[in-house]
Amino acid sequence: MILIVLPPGRMRVGLFQALQQKGLKRDVAVSVTHFLAVPEMVAVSDYCATLPRLICQRLARDERLKVLPAPVDLGMFPVHLAWHVRYRSDPAHRWLRSLIGDVAEEHGLPS
């Protein structure tokens, strides 16, 4: 059985389309709205889930979990930052946004 993270809009459609093109279908048992809700649920059940590579690298340390490559190339999905206009010029906020961009770039993610 599959535990699935239901991302909004087009990302959800893209994932199901990629699997369908390969003749694969998911038997979804549980759906959640956030990736970090998945690890414990998978660890204490017979469910499996598809998660982003960077999350899986961290989860590989948990002996209760087995991390395998996805059966098809699922590509990438966009990640966005949003903030209130009043923080546009705030030095601390600008520093944090820059740091997040640097970390993403270090991991080969588009900034």
Protein backbone atom coordinates (compact mmCIF):
# COMPACT_ATOMS: atom_id res chain seq x y z
CA MET A 1 0.00 0.00 0.00
CA ILE A 2 1.13 3.52 -0.76
CA LEU A 3 1.26 6.55 1.50
CA ILE A 4 1.18 9.62 -0.72
CA VAL A 5 2.01 13.27 -0.24
CA LEU A 6 -0.51 15.23 -2.25
CA PRO A 7 1.25 18.34 -3.47
CA PRO A 8 -0.86 21.13 -4.90
CA GLY A 9 -1.97 21.45 -8.50
CA ARG A 10 0.32 20.59 -11.38
CA MET A 11 2.90 18.69 -9.31
CA ARG A 12 0.29 16.09 -8.38
CA VAL A 13 -0.79 15.65 -11.98
CA GLY A 14 2.82 15.37 -13.20
CA LEU A 15 3.68 12.59 -10.76
CA PHE A 16 0.70 10.46 -11.70
CA GLN A 17 1.29 11.10 -15.41
CA ALA A 18 4.94 10.01 -15.15
CA LEU A 19 3.93 6.75 -13.51
CA GLN A 20 1.05 6.15 -15.93
CA GLN A 21 3.37 6.57 -18.95
CA LYS A 22 5.42 3.67 -17.58
CA GLY A 23 2.31 1.55 -17.04
CA LEU A 24 2.54 1.90 -13.25
CA LYS A 25 -0.39 2.58 -10.97
CA ARG A 26 -0.51 3.48 -7.28
CA ASP A 27 -2.81 1.82 -4.77
CA VAL A 28 -3.09 4.76 -2.36
CA ALA A 29 -4.02 3.90 1.24
CA VAL A 30 -3.28 7.20 3.00
CA SER A 31 -2.62 10.74 1.83
CA VAL A 32 -0.88 13.51 3.77
CA THR A 33 -0.03 17.10 2.89
CA HIS A 34 3.60 17.32 4.01
CA PHE A 35 6.71 15.24 3.32
CA LEU A 36 7.79 15.22 6.96
CA ALA A 37 4.58 13.43 7.98
CA VAL A 38 5.68 10.39 6.00
CA PRO A 39 8.73 8.77 7.68
CA GLU A 40 7.15 7.68 10.95
CA MET A 41 3.99 6.46 9.23
CA VAL A 42 6.05 4.33 6.84
CA ALA A 43 8.31 3.06 9.64
CA VAL A 44 5.41 1.66 11.67
CA SER A 45 3.35 0.23 8.80
CA ASP A 46 3.72 -1.74 5.59
CA TYR A 47 3.29 1.43 3.50
CA CYS A 48 5.78 2.87 1.06
CA ALA A 49 6.11 6.40 -0.29
CA THR A 50 7.91 8.41 -2.96
CA LEU A 51 9.84 11.37 -1.54
CA PRO A 52 12.39 13.88 -2.80
CA ARG A 53 16.00 12.64 -2.98
CA LEU A 54 17.34 15.03 -0.34
CA ILE A 55 14.74 13.92 2.17
CA CYS A 56 15.51 10.28 1.41
CA GLN A 57 19.21 10.85 2.02
CA ARG A 58 18.38 11.91 5.58
CA LEU A 59 15.89 9.08 6.05
CA ALA A 60 18.43 6.46 4.98
CA ARG A 61 19.96 6.81 8.47
CA ASP A 62 16.78 5.39 10.05
CA GLU A 63 17.29 1.62 10.28
CA ARG A 64 13.52 1.07 10.16
CA LEU A 65 13.36 2.43 6.61
CA LYS A 66 14.70 1.17 3.30
CA VAL A 67 15.40 3.79 0.64
CA LEU A 68 15.21 2.66 -3.00
CA PRO A 69 15.38 4.58 -6.28
CA ALA A 70 12.08 5.54 -7.90
CA PRO A 71 10.93 3.17 -10.66
CA VAL A 72 10.79 6.08 -13.14
CA ASP A 73 12.44 9.47 -13.48
CA LEU A 74 10.03 11.81 -11.75
CA GLY A 75 11.98 14.94 -12.63
CA MET A 76 12.06 17.91 -10.30
CA PHE A 77 9.39 20.06 -8.77
CA PRO A 78 9.51 23.76 -7.98
CA VAL A 79 10.13 25.09 -4.50
CA HIS A 80 9.24 28.70 -3.80
CA LEU A 81 9.91 31.17 -1.02
CA ALA A 82 7.34 33.80 -0.16
CA TRP A 83 7.45 36.62 2.34
CA HIS A 84 5.51 39.70 3.26
CA VAL A 85 6.52 42.88 1.44
CA ARG A 86 7.50 44.56 4.71
CA TYR A 87 10.44 42.10 4.98
CA ARG A 88 11.74 42.80 1.48
CA SER A 89 14.57 45.01 2.76
CA ASP A 90 14.97 43.58 6.26
CA PRO A 91 18.68 42.64 6.62
CA ALA A 92 18.08 39.47 8.64
CA HIS A 93 15.38 38.30 6.26
CA ARG A 94 17.55 39.03 3.21
CA TRP A 95 20.39 37.07 4.84
CA LEU A 96 18.09 34.06 5.45
CA ARG A 97 16.78 34.11 1.87
CA SER A 98 20.34 34.28 0.57
CA LEU A 99 21.39 31.39 2.80
CA ILE A 100 18.51 29.24 1.58
CA GLY A 101 19.48 30.03 -2.02
CA ASP A 102 23.13 29.10 -1.34
CA VAL A 103 22.15 25.77 0.23
CA ALA A 104 19.86 24.97 -2.70
CA GLU A 105 22.65 25.78 -5.14
CA GLU A 106 25.12 23.57 -3.22
CA HIS A 107 22.70 20.68 -3.73
CA GLY A 108 22.38 21.37 -7.44
CA LEU A 109 18.88 22.76 -7.17
CA PRO A 110 17.78 25.70 -9.30
CA SER A 111 17.66 28.96 -7.39
